[in-house]
Amino acid sequence: MLNQHDSFVEIKTEENASKQMKNMYSV
């Protein structure tokens, strides 16, 4: 259960990171 939650948080963080990268490049 805990590992599942950890990987979910990791995926969310990765999504946010790629969104930030896109924002940086689009500016």
Protein backbone atom coordinates (compact mmCIF):
# COMPACT_ATOMS: atom_id res chain seq x y z
CA MET A 1 0.00 0.00 0.00
CA LEU A 2 2.71 2.44 1.02
CA ASN A 3 4.86 1.61 -2.02
CA GLN A 4 1.86 2.12 -4.28
CA HIS A 5 1.30 5.57 -2.76
CA ASP A 6 4.98 6.44 -3.14
CA SER A 7 5.04 5.57 -6.84
CA PHE A 8 1.81 7.54 -7.36
CA VAL A 9 3.39 10.61 -5.79
CA GLU A 10 6.49 10.04 -7.93
CA ILE A 11 4.39 9.94 -11.10
CA LYS A 12 2.63 13.16 -10.08
CA THR A 13 5.97 14.85 -9.44
CA GLU A 14 7.23 13.71 -12.84
CA GLU A 15 4.11 15.09 -14.52
CA ASN A 16 4.57 18.45 -12.80
CA ALA A 17 8.24 18.52 -13.77
CA SER A 18 7.46 17.94 -17.46
CA LYS A 19 4.76 20.63 -17.30
CA GLN A 20 7.27 23.09 -15.85
CA MET A 21 9.77 22.17 -18.56
CA LYS A 22 7.15 22.83 -21.26
CA ASN A 23 6.34 26.18 -19.67
CA MET A 24 10.01 27.15 -19.60
CA TYR A 25 10.49 26.24 -23.26
CA SER A 26 7.27 27.94 -24.42
CA VAL A 27 8.26 31.26 -22.80
